[in-house]
Full PDB file with SEQRES, HELIX, SHEET, SSBOND, CRYST1, ORIGX, SCALE, CONECT and MASTER records, all heavy atoms in Angstrom:
SEQRES   1 A   38  GLU VAL THR GLN ASP ARG ILE SER VAL VAL VAL GLU GLY          
SEQRES   2 A   38  THR GLY ALA ASP VAL ILE LEU ILE PRO GLY LEU ALA SER          
SEQRES   3 A   38  SER ARG GLU ILE TRP ALA GLY LEU VAL SER LYS LEU              
HELIX    1 AA1 ARG A   28  TRP A   31  5                                   4    
HELIX    2 AA2 ALA A   32  LYS A   37  1                                   6    
CRYST1    1.000    1.000    1.000  90.00  90.00  90.00 P 1           1          
ORIGX1      1.000000  0.000000  0.000000        0.00000                         
ORIGX2      0.000000  1.000000  0.000000        0.00000                         
ORIGX3      0.000000  0.000000  1.000000        0.00000                         
SCALE1      1.000000  0.000000  0.000000        0.00000                         
SCALE2      0.000000  1.000000  0.000000        0.00000                         
SCALE3      0.000000  0.000000  1.000000        0.00000                         
ATOM      1  N   GLU A   1      12.973  -0.990   2.869  1.00  0.00           N  
ATOM      2  CA  GLU A   1      13.361  -0.212   1.711  1.00  0.00           C  
ATOM      3  C   GLU A   1      14.306  -1.004   0.823  1.00  0.00           C  
ATOM      4  O   GLU A   1      15.175  -1.712   1.317  1.00  0.00           O  
ATOM      5  CB  GLU A   1      14.063   1.058   2.186  1.00  0.00           C  
ATOM      6  CG  GLU A   1      13.209   1.903   3.099  1.00  0.00           C  
ATOM      7  CD  GLU A   1      12.715   3.162   2.423  1.00  0.00           C  
ATOM      8  OE1 GLU A   1      13.295   3.551   1.423  1.00  0.00           O  
ATOM      9  OE2 GLU A   1      11.745   3.723   2.931  1.00  0.00           O  
ATOM     10  N   VAL A   2      14.107  -0.871  -0.482  1.00  0.00           N  
ATOM     11  CA  VAL A   2      15.050  -1.465  -1.415  1.00  0.00           C  
ATOM     12  C   VAL A   2      16.311  -0.619  -1.419  1.00  0.00           C  
ATOM     13  O   VAL A   2      16.243   0.602  -1.579  1.00  0.00           O  
ATOM     14  CB  VAL A   2      14.453  -1.515  -2.835  1.00  0.00           C  
ATOM     15  CG1 VAL A   2      15.483  -1.997  -3.839  1.00  0.00           C  
ATOM     16  CG2 VAL A   2      13.238  -2.423  -2.850  1.00  0.00           C  
ATOM     17  N   THR A   3      17.457  -1.238  -1.241  1.00  0.00           N  
ATOM     18  CA  THR A   3      18.686  -0.465  -1.180  1.00  0.00           C  
ATOM     19  C   THR A   3      19.698  -0.831  -2.256  1.00  0.00           C  
ATOM     20  O   THR A   3      20.392   0.040  -2.765  1.00  0.00           O  
ATOM     21  CB  THR A   3      19.363  -0.640   0.196  1.00  0.00           C  
ATOM     22  OG1 THR A   3      19.580  -2.033   0.428  1.00  0.00           O  
ATOM     23  CG2 THR A   3      18.494  -0.074   1.299  1.00  0.00           C  
ATOM     24  N   GLN A   4      19.771  -2.114  -2.642  1.00  0.00           N  
ATOM     25  CA  GLN A   4      20.844  -2.506  -3.553  1.00  0.00           C  
ATOM     26  C   GLN A   4      20.407  -3.440  -4.668  1.00  0.00           C  
ATOM     27  O   GLN A   4      21.205  -3.761  -5.525  1.00  0.00           O  
ATOM     28  CB  GLN A   4      21.977  -3.172  -2.770  1.00  0.00           C  
ATOM     29  CG  GLN A   4      22.697  -2.207  -1.839  1.00  0.00           C  
ATOM     30  CD  GLN A   4      23.906  -2.846  -1.184  1.00  0.00           C  
ATOM     31  OE1 GLN A   4      24.048  -4.051  -1.135  1.00  0.00           O  
ATOM     32  NE2 GLN A   4      24.795  -2.030  -0.669  1.00  0.00           N  
ATOM     33  N   ASP A   5      19.196  -3.860  -4.689  1.00  0.00           N  
ATOM     34  CA  ASP A   5      18.825  -4.857  -5.686  1.00  0.00           C  
ATOM     35  C   ASP A   5      18.160  -4.214  -6.887  1.00  0.00           C  
ATOM     36  O   ASP A   5      17.861  -3.019  -6.911  1.00  0.00           O  
ATOM     37  CB  ASP A   5      17.905  -5.908  -5.073  1.00  0.00           C  
ATOM     38  CG  ASP A   5      18.058  -7.257  -5.753  1.00  0.00           C  
ATOM     39  OD1 ASP A   5      18.607  -7.308  -6.870  1.00  0.00           O  
ATOM     40  OD2 ASP A   5      17.620  -8.249  -5.178  1.00  0.00           O  
ATOM     41  N   ARG A   6      17.907  -5.024  -7.901  1.00  0.00           N  
ATOM     42  CA  ARG A   6      17.330  -4.547  -9.157  1.00  0.00           C  
ATOM     43  C   ARG A   6      15.833  -4.325  -9.077  1.00  0.00           C  
ATOM     44  O   ARG A   6      15.285  -3.536  -9.846  1.00  0.00           O  
ATOM     45  CB  ARG A   6      17.595  -5.576 -10.263  1.00  0.00           C  
ATOM     46  CG  ARG A   6      19.062  -5.788 -10.561  1.00  0.00           C  
ATOM     47  CD  ARG A   6      19.591  -4.678 -11.426  1.00  0.00           C  
ATOM     48  NE  ARG A   6      21.030  -4.803 -11.636  1.00  0.00           N  
ATOM     49  CZ  ARG A   6      21.733  -3.959 -12.379  1.00  0.00           C  
ATOM     50  NH1 ARG A   6      21.141  -2.941 -12.973  1.00  0.00           N  
ATOM     51  NH2 ARG A   6      23.033  -4.107 -12.515  1.00  0.00           N  
ATOM     52  N   ILE A   7      15.153  -5.033  -8.188  1.00  0.00           N  
ATOM     53  CA  ILE A   7      13.692  -4.971  -8.145  1.00  0.00           C  
ATOM     54  C   ILE A   7      13.197  -4.983  -6.702  1.00  0.00           C  
ATOM     55  O   ILE A   7      13.880  -5.443  -5.788  1.00  0.00           O  
ATOM     56  CB  ILE A   7      13.047  -6.157  -8.891  1.00  0.00           C  
ATOM     57  CG1 ILE A   7      13.480  -7.495  -8.286  1.00  0.00           C  
ATOM     58  CG2 ILE A   7      13.381  -6.094 -10.384  1.00  0.00           C  
ATOM     59  CD1 ILE A   7      12.751  -8.700  -8.852  1.00  0.00           C  
ATOM     60  N   SER A   8      11.995  -4.453  -6.534  1.00  0.00           N  
ATOM     61  CA  SER A   8      11.199  -4.737  -5.346  1.00  0.00           C  
ATOM     62  C   SER A   8       9.884  -5.306  -5.850  1.00  0.00           C  
ATOM     63  O   SER A   8       9.476  -5.054  -6.985  1.00  0.00           O  
ATOM     64  CB  SER A   8      10.948  -3.475  -4.516  1.00  0.00           C  
ATOM     65  OG  SER A   8      10.014  -2.629  -5.155  1.00  0.00           O  
ATOM     66  N   VAL A   9       9.250  -6.104  -5.020  1.00  0.00           N  
ATOM     67  CA  VAL A   9       8.028  -6.773  -5.430  1.00  0.00           C  
ATOM     68  C   VAL A   9       6.991  -6.677  -4.320  1.00  0.00           C  
ATOM     69  O   VAL A   9       7.268  -7.019  -3.175  1.00  0.00           O  
ATOM     70  CB  VAL A   9       8.283  -8.268  -5.761  1.00  0.00           C  
ATOM     71  CG1 VAL A   9       7.002  -8.906  -6.299  1.00  0.00           C  
ATOM     72  CG2 VAL A   9       9.418  -8.424  -6.762  1.00  0.00           C  
ATOM     73  N   VAL A  10       5.798  -6.221  -4.680  1.00  0.00           N  
ATOM     74  CA  VAL A  10       4.652  -6.237  -3.786  1.00  0.00           C  
ATOM     75  C   VAL A  10       3.768  -7.408  -4.183  1.00  0.00           C  
ATOM     76  O   VAL A  10       3.445  -7.572  -5.366  1.00  0.00           O  
ATOM     77  CB  VAL A  10       3.854  -4.922  -3.879  1.00  0.00           C  
ATOM     78  CG1 VAL A  10       2.503  -5.055  -3.189  1.00  0.00           C  
ATOM     79  CG2 VAL A  10       4.641  -3.777  -3.260  1.00  0.00           C  
ATOM     80  N   VAL A  11       3.387  -8.239  -3.235  1.00  0.00           N  
ATOM     81  CA  VAL A  11       2.563  -9.414  -3.507  1.00  0.00           C  
ATOM     82  C   VAL A  11       1.195  -9.231  -2.860  1.00  0.00           C  
ATOM     83  O   VAL A  11       1.102  -8.879  -1.684  1.00  0.00           O  
ATOM     84  CB  VAL A  11       3.228 -10.701  -2.964  1.00  0.00           C  
ATOM     85  CG1 VAL A  11       2.362 -11.924  -3.275  1.00  0.00           C  
ATOM     86  CG2 VAL A  11       4.620 -10.868  -3.547  1.00  0.00           C  
ATOM     87  N   GLU A  12       0.146  -9.474  -3.657  1.00  0.00           N  
ATOM     88  CA  GLU A  12      -1.204  -9.420  -3.104  1.00  0.00           C  
ATOM     89  C   GLU A  12      -2.118 -10.351  -3.883  1.00  0.00           C  
ATOM     90  O   GLU A  12      -1.840 -10.692  -5.031  1.00  0.00           O  
ATOM     91  CB  GLU A  12      -1.760  -8.000  -3.137  1.00  0.00           C  
ATOM     92  CG  GLU A  12      -1.845  -7.367  -4.506  1.00  0.00           C  
ATOM     93  CD  GLU A  12      -2.491  -5.991  -4.439  1.00  0.00           C  
ATOM     94  OE1 GLU A  12      -3.715  -5.916  -4.548  1.00  0.00           O  
ATOM     95  OE2 GLU A  12      -1.745  -5.015  -4.261  1.00  0.00           O  
ATOM     96  N   GLY A  13      -3.211 -10.777  -3.222  1.00  0.00           N  
ATOM     97  CA  GLY A  13      -4.163 -11.672  -3.857  1.00  0.00           C  
ATOM     98  C   GLY A  13      -3.768 -13.126  -3.712  1.00  0.00           C  
ATOM     99  O   GLY A  13      -2.695 -13.465  -3.210  1.00  0.00           O  
ATOM    100  N   THR A  14      -4.631 -14.009  -4.155  1.00  0.00           N  
ATOM    101  CA  THR A  14      -4.386 -15.447  -4.112  1.00  0.00           C  
ATOM    102  C   THR A  14      -4.835 -16.073  -5.420  1.00  0.00           C  
ATOM    103  O   THR A  14      -5.758 -15.596  -6.066  1.00  0.00           O  
ATOM    104  CB  THR A  14      -5.148 -16.119  -2.946  1.00  0.00           C  
ATOM    105  OG1 THR A  14      -6.548 -15.855  -3.092  1.00  0.00           O  
ATOM    106  CG2 THR A  14      -4.686 -15.590  -1.603  1.00  0.00           C  
ATOM    107  N   GLY A  15      -4.160 -17.152  -5.784  1.00  0.00           N  
ATOM    108  CA  GLY A  15      -4.514 -17.853  -7.011  1.00  0.00           C  
ATOM    109  C   GLY A  15      -3.304 -18.011  -7.909  1.00  0.00           C  
ATOM    110  O   GLY A  15      -2.155 -18.026  -7.451  1.00  0.00           O  
ATOM    111  N   ALA A  16      -3.554 -18.158  -9.203  1.00  0.00           N  
ATOM    112  CA  ALA A  16      -2.479 -18.319 -10.169  1.00  0.00           C  
ATOM    113  C   ALA A  16      -1.592 -17.080 -10.179  1.00  0.00           C  
ATOM    114  O   ALA A  16      -2.068 -15.951 -10.030  1.00  0.00           O  
ATOM    115  CB  ALA A  16      -3.068 -18.563 -11.558  1.00  0.00           C  
ATOM    116  N   ASP A  17      -0.302 -17.298 -10.377  1.00  0.00           N  
ATOM    117  CA  ASP A  17       0.673 -16.212 -10.257  1.00  0.00           C  
ATOM    118  C   ASP A  17       0.764 -15.375 -11.524  1.00  0.00           C  
ATOM    119  O   ASP A  17       0.872 -15.913 -12.633  1.00  0.00           O  
ATOM    120  CB  ASP A  17       2.052 -16.784  -9.934  1.00  0.00           C  
ATOM    121  CG  ASP A  17       2.131 -17.354  -8.527  1.00  0.00           C  
ATOM    122  OD1 ASP A  17       2.138 -16.562  -7.576  1.00  0.00           O  
ATOM    123  OD2 ASP A  17       2.169 -18.594  -8.404  1.00  0.00           O  
ATOM    124  N   VAL A  18       0.750 -14.053 -11.333  1.00  0.00           N  
ATOM    125  CA  VAL A  18       0.925 -13.088 -12.410  1.00  0.00           C  
ATOM    126  C   VAL A  18       1.970 -12.070 -11.963  1.00  0.00           C  
ATOM    127  O   VAL A  18       1.835 -11.481 -10.884  1.00  0.00           O  
ATOM    128  CB  VAL A  18      -0.392 -12.370 -12.760  1.00  0.00           C  
ATOM    129  CG1 VAL A  18      -0.152 -11.330 -13.858  1.00  0.00           C  
ATOM    130  CG2 VAL A  18      -1.457 -13.366 -13.203  1.00  0.00           C  
ATOM    131  N   ILE A  19       2.997 -11.874 -12.769  1.00  0.00           N  
ATOM    132  CA  ILE A  19       4.044 -10.898 -12.475  1.00  0.00           C  
ATOM    133  C   ILE A  19       3.876  -9.717 -13.420  1.00  0.00           C  
ATOM    134  O   ILE A  19       3.835  -9.892 -14.642  1.00  0.00           O  
ATOM    135  CB  ILE A  19       5.438 -11.525 -12.634  1.00  0.00           C  
ATOM    136  CG1 ILE A  19       5.611 -12.678 -11.631  1.00  0.00           C  
ATOM    137  CG2 ILE A  19       6.532 -10.480 -12.447  1.00  0.00           C  
ATOM    138  CD1 ILE A  19       6.911 -13.450 -11.786  1.00  0.00           C  
ATOM    139  N   LEU A  20       3.753  -8.502 -12.860  1.00  0.00           N  
ATOM    140  CA  LEU A  20       3.517  -7.305 -13.657  1.00  0.00           C  
ATOM    141  C   LEU A  20       4.728  -6.379 -13.585  1.00  0.00           C  
ATOM    142  O   LEU A  20       5.194  -6.038 -12.494  1.00  0.00           O  
ATOM    143  CB  LEU A  20       2.266  -6.574 -13.163  1.00  0.00           C  
ATOM    144  CG  LEU A  20       0.967  -7.387 -13.263  1.00  0.00           C  
ATOM    145  CD1 LEU A  20       0.563  -7.879 -11.872  1.00  0.00           C  
ATOM    146  CD2 LEU A  20      -0.155  -6.576 -13.872  1.00  0.00           C  
ATOM    147  N   ILE A  21       5.215  -5.958 -14.754  1.00  0.00           N  
ATOM    148  CA  ILE A  21       6.438  -5.160 -14.849  1.00  0.00           C  
ATOM    149  C   ILE A  21       6.120  -3.836 -15.540  1.00  0.00           C  
ATOM    150  O   ILE A  21       5.723  -3.828 -16.711  1.00  0.00           O  
ATOM    151  CB  ILE A  21       7.522  -5.899 -15.655  1.00  0.00           C  
ATOM    152  CG1 ILE A  21       7.665  -7.350 -15.175  1.00  0.00           C  
ATOM    153  CG2 ILE A  21       8.855  -5.164 -15.552  1.00  0.00           C  
ATOM    154  CD1 ILE A  21       8.465  -8.224 -16.122  1.00  0.00           C  
ATOM    155  N   PRO A  22       6.277  -2.704 -14.861  1.00  0.00           N  
ATOM    156  CA  PRO A  22       6.031  -1.405 -15.506  1.00  0.00           C  
ATOM    157  C   PRO A  22       7.163  -1.026 -16.440  1.00  0.00           C  
ATOM    158  O   PRO A  22       8.219  -1.683 -16.481  1.00  0.00           O  
ATOM    159  CB  PRO A  22       5.940  -0.448 -14.317  1.00  0.00           C  
ATOM    160  CG  PRO A  22       6.816  -1.077 -13.280  1.00  0.00           C  
ATOM    161  CD  PRO A  22       6.699  -2.566 -13.473  1.00  0.00           C  
ATOM    162  N   GLY A  23       6.965   0.058 -17.182  1.00  0.00           N  
ATOM    163  CA  GLY A  23       7.940   0.478 -18.173  1.00  0.00           C  
ATOM    164  C   GLY A  23       8.921   1.502 -17.654  1.00  0.00           C  
ATOM    165  O   GLY A  23       9.086   1.711 -16.444  1.00  0.00           O  
ATOM    166  N   LEU A  24       9.564   2.160 -18.588  1.00  0.00           N  
ATOM    167  CA  LEU A  24      10.621   3.119 -18.295  1.00  0.00           C  
ATOM    168  C   LEU A  24      10.116   4.262 -17.435  1.00  0.00           C  
ATOM    169  O   LEU A  24       9.103   4.896 -17.745  1.00  0.00           O  
ATOM    170  CB  LEU A  24      11.180   3.680 -19.598  1.00  0.00           C  
ATOM    171  CG  LEU A  24      12.355   4.630 -19.491  1.00  0.00           C  
ATOM    172  CD1 LEU A  24      13.625   3.892 -19.111  1.00  0.00           C  
ATOM    173  CD2 LEU A  24      12.556   5.375 -20.800  1.00  0.00           C  
ATOM    174  N   ALA A  25      10.807   4.521 -16.331  1.00  0.00           N  
ATOM    175  CA  ALA A  25      10.495   5.636 -15.435  1.00  0.00           C  
ATOM    176  C   ALA A  25       9.072   5.582 -14.916  1.00  0.00           C  
ATOM    177  O   ALA A  25       8.495   6.602 -14.560  1.00  0.00           O  
ATOM    178  CB  ALA A  25      10.756   6.972 -16.142  1.00  0.00           C  
ATOM    179  N   SER A  26       8.506   4.391 -14.847  1.00  0.00           N  
ATOM    180  CA  SER A  26       7.120   4.221 -14.415  1.00  0.00           C  
ATOM    181  C   SER A  26       7.044   3.522 -13.068  1.00  0.00           C  
ATOM    182  O   SER A  26       7.925   2.754 -12.695  1.00  0.00           O  
ATOM    183  CB  SER A  26       6.328   3.411 -15.443  1.00  0.00           C  
ATOM    184  OG  SER A  26       6.147   4.128 -16.632  1.00  0.00           O  
ATOM    185  N   SER A  27       5.934   3.771 -12.385  1.00  0.00           N  
ATOM    186  CA  SER A  27       5.634   3.124 -11.115  1.00  0.00           C  
ATOM    187  C   SER A  27       4.736   1.924 -11.344  1.00  0.00           C  
ATOM    188  O   SER A  27       4.011   1.841 -12.337  1.00  0.00           O  
ATOM    189  CB  SER A  27       4.936   4.129 -10.193  1.00  0.00           C  
ATOM    190  OG  SER A  27       4.282   3.473  -9.130  1.00  0.00           O  
ATOM    191  N   ARG A  28       4.744   0.987 -10.407  1.00  0.00           N  
ATOM    192  CA  ARG A  28       3.812  -0.139 -10.477  1.00  0.00           C  
ATOM    193  C   ARG A  28       2.356   0.300 -10.379  1.00  0.00           C  
ATOM    194  O   ARG A  28       1.449  -0.471 -10.651  1.00  0.00           O  
ATOM    195  CB  ARG A  28       4.143  -1.172  -9.406  1.00  0.00           C  
ATOM    196  CG  ARG A  28       4.137  -0.641  -8.000  1.00  0.00           C  
ATOM    197  CD  ARG A  28       4.453  -1.757  -6.987  1.00  0.00           C  
ATOM    198  NE  ARG A  28       5.297  -1.246  -5.931  1.00  0.00           N  
ATOM    199  CZ  ARG A  28       6.473  -1.756  -5.601  1.00  0.00           C  
ATOM    200  NH1 ARG A  28       6.938  -2.807  -6.235  1.00  0.00           N  
ATOM    201  NH2 ARG A  28       7.207  -1.229  -4.654  1.00  0.00           N  
ATOM    202  N   GLU A  29       2.123   1.545  -9.994  1.00  0.00           N  
ATOM    203  CA  GLU A  29       0.752   2.039  -9.879  1.00  0.00           C  
ATOM    204  C   GLU A  29       0.015   2.075 -11.214  1.00  0.00           C  
ATOM    205  O   GLU A  29      -1.208   2.168 -11.245  1.00  0.00           O  
ATOM    206  CB  GLU A  29       0.760   3.436  -9.255  1.00  0.00           C  
ATOM    207  CG  GLU A  29       1.211   3.450  -7.803  1.00  0.00           C  
ATOM    208  CD  GLU A  29       1.310   4.856  -7.229  1.00  0.00           C  
ATOM    209  OE1 GLU A  29       0.973   5.803  -7.970  1.00  0.00           O  
ATOM    210  OE2 GLU A  29       1.712   4.994  -6.068  1.00  0.00           O  
ATOM    211  N   ILE A  30       0.743   1.990 -12.324  1.00  0.00           N  
ATOM    212  CA  ILE A  30       0.055   1.981 -13.618  1.00  0.00           C  
ATOM    213  C   ILE A  30      -0.856   0.770 -13.766  1.00  0.00           C  
ATOM    214  O   ILE A  30      -1.777   0.774 -14.584  1.00  0.00           O  
ATOM    215  CB  ILE A  30       1.034   2.020 -14.799  1.00  0.00           C  
ATOM    216  CG1 ILE A  30       1.887   0.749 -14.853  1.00  0.00           C  
ATOM    217  CG2 ILE A  30       1.912   3.270 -14.751  1.00  0.00           C  
ATOM    218  CD1 ILE A  30       2.616   0.555 -16.160  1.00  0.00           C  
ATOM    219  N   TRP A  31      -0.631  -0.273 -12.960  1.00  0.00           N  
ATOM    220  CA  TRP A  31      -1.414  -1.504 -13.060  1.00  0.00           C  
ATOM    221  C   TRP A  31      -2.636  -1.492 -12.149  1.00  0.00           C  
ATOM    222  O   TRP A  31      -3.334  -2.517 -12.053  1.00  0.00           O  
ATOM    223  CB  TRP A  31      -0.553  -2.709 -12.700  1.00  0.00           C  
ATOM    224  CG  TRP A  31       0.677  -2.895 -13.514  1.00  0.00           C  
ATOM    225  CD1 TRP A  31       1.975  -2.856 -13.096  1.00  0.00           C  
ATOM    226  CD2 TRP A  31       0.747  -3.179 -14.919  1.00  0.00           C  
ATOM    227  NE1 TRP A  31       2.838  -3.095 -14.132  1.00  0.00           N  
ATOM    228  CE2 TRP A  31       2.119  -3.298 -15.270  1.00  0.00           C  
ATOM    229  CE3 TRP A  31      -0.221  -3.348 -15.923  1.00  0.00           C  
ATOM    230  CZ2 TRP A  31       2.542  -3.577 -16.569  1.00  0.00           C  
ATOM    231  CZ3 TRP A  31       0.205  -3.611 -17.215  1.00  0.00           C  
ATOM    232  CH2 TRP A  31       1.555  -3.730 -17.529  1.00  0.00           C  
ATOM    233  N   ALA A  32      -2.921  -0.394 -11.467  1.00  0.00           N  
ATOM    234  CA  ALA A  32      -3.978  -0.386 -10.448  1.00  0.00           C  
ATOM    235  C   ALA A  32      -5.318  -0.880 -10.992  1.00  0.00           C  
ATOM    236  O   ALA A  32      -6.016  -1.653 -10.335  1.00  0.00           O  
ATOM    237  CB  ALA A  32      -4.123   1.022  -9.865  1.00  0.00           C  
ATOM    238  N   GLY A  33      -5.703  -0.431 -12.194  1.00  0.00           N  
ATOM    239  CA  GLY A  33      -6.978  -0.859 -12.757  1.00  0.00           C  
ATOM    240  C   GLY A  33      -7.010  -2.350 -13.017  1.00  0.00           C  
ATOM    241  O   GLY A  33      -8.000  -3.030 -12.701  1.00  0.00           O  
ATOM    242  N   LEU A  34      -5.948  -2.894 -13.590  1.00  0.00           N  
ATOM    243  CA  LEU A  34      -5.890  -4.329 -13.853  1.00  0.00           C  
ATOM    244  C   LEU A  34      -5.839  -5.124 -12.558  1.00  0.00           C  
ATOM    245  O   LEU A  34      -6.477  -6.179 -12.440  1.00  0.00           O  
ATOM    246  CB  LEU A  34      -4.668  -4.639 -14.711  1.00  0.00           C  
ATOM    247  CG  LEU A  34      -4.471  -6.096 -15.117  1.00  0.00           C  
ATOM    248  CD1 LEU A  34      -5.652  -6.596 -15.938  1.00  0.00           C  
ATOM    249  CD2 LEU A  34      -3.161  -6.266 -15.887  1.00  0.00           C  
ATOM    250  N   VAL A  35      -5.107  -4.620 -11.580  1.00  0.00           N  
ATOM    251  CA  VAL A  35      -5.012  -5.298 -10.287  1.00  0.00           C  
ATOM    252  C   VAL A  35      -6.390  -5.471  -9.660  1.00  0.00           C  
ATOM    253  O   VAL A  35      -6.719  -6.522  -9.106  1.00  0.00           O  
ATOM    254  CB  VAL A  35      -4.078  -4.520  -9.339  1.00  0.00           C  
ATOM    255  CG1 VAL A  35      -4.230  -5.003  -7.900  1.00  0.00           C  
ATOM    256  CG2 VAL A  35      -2.626  -4.672  -9.789  1.00  0.00           C  
ATOM    257  N   SER A  36      -7.230  -4.450  -9.759  1.00  0.00           N  
ATOM    258  CA  SER A  36      -8.576  -4.528  -9.179  1.00  0.00           C  
ATOM    259  C   SER A  36      -9.407  -5.632  -9.821  1.00  0.00           C  
ATOM    260  O   SER A  36     -10.310  -6.173  -9.195  1.00  0.00           O  
ATOM    261  CB  SER A  36      -9.285  -3.184  -9.312  1.00  0.00           C  
ATOM    262  OG  SER A  36      -9.584  -2.895 -10.673  1.00  0.00           O  
ATOM    263  N   LYS A  37      -9.081  -5.981 -11.080  1.00  0.00           N  
ATOM    264  CA  LYS A  37      -9.814  -7.038 -11.778  1.00  0.00           C  
ATOM    265  C   LYS A  37      -9.261  -8.425 -11.458  1.00  0.00           C  
ATOM    266  O   LYS A  37     -10.001  -9.414 -11.456  1.00  0.00           O  
ATOM    267  CB  LYS A  37      -9.718  -6.820 -13.289  1.00  0.00           C  
ATOM    268  CG  LYS A  37     -10.204  -5.474 -13.784  1.00  0.00           C  
ATOM    269  CD  LYS A  37     -11.706  -5.386 -13.791  1.00  0.00           C  
ATOM    270  CE  LYS A  37     -12.158  -4.086 -14.459  1.00  0.00           C  
ATOM    271  NZ  LYS A  37     -13.641  -3.971 -14.457  1.00  0.00           N  
ATOM    272  N   LEU A  38      -7.961  -8.512 -11.198  1.00  0.00           N  
ATOM    273  CA  LEU A  38      -7.309  -9.809 -11.098  1.00  0.00           C  
ATOM    274  C   LEU A  38      -7.097 -10.311  -9.677  1.00  0.00           C  
ATOM    275  O   LEU A  38      -6.923 -11.516  -9.476  1.00  0.00           O  
ATOM    276  CB  LEU A  38      -5.949  -9.765 -11.809  1.00  0.00           C  
ATOM    277  CG  LEU A  38      -5.935  -9.522 -13.316  1.00  0.00           C  
ATOM    278  CD1 LEU A  38      -4.500  -9.550 -13.833  1.00  0.00           C  
ATOM    279  CD2 LEU A  38      -6.782 -10.537 -14.053  1.00  0.00           C  
TER     280      LEU A  38                                                      
MASTER        0    0    0    2    0    0    0    6  279    1    0    3          
END                                                                             
């Protein structure tokens, strides 16, 4: 569990690195469609 830091990061897939940042009051789940493509 994240307890004191500014971010948590889930890493999946292999290849060139892409970092995805959601917006205000949003979950990383907003990227699910793009994640399935990349």
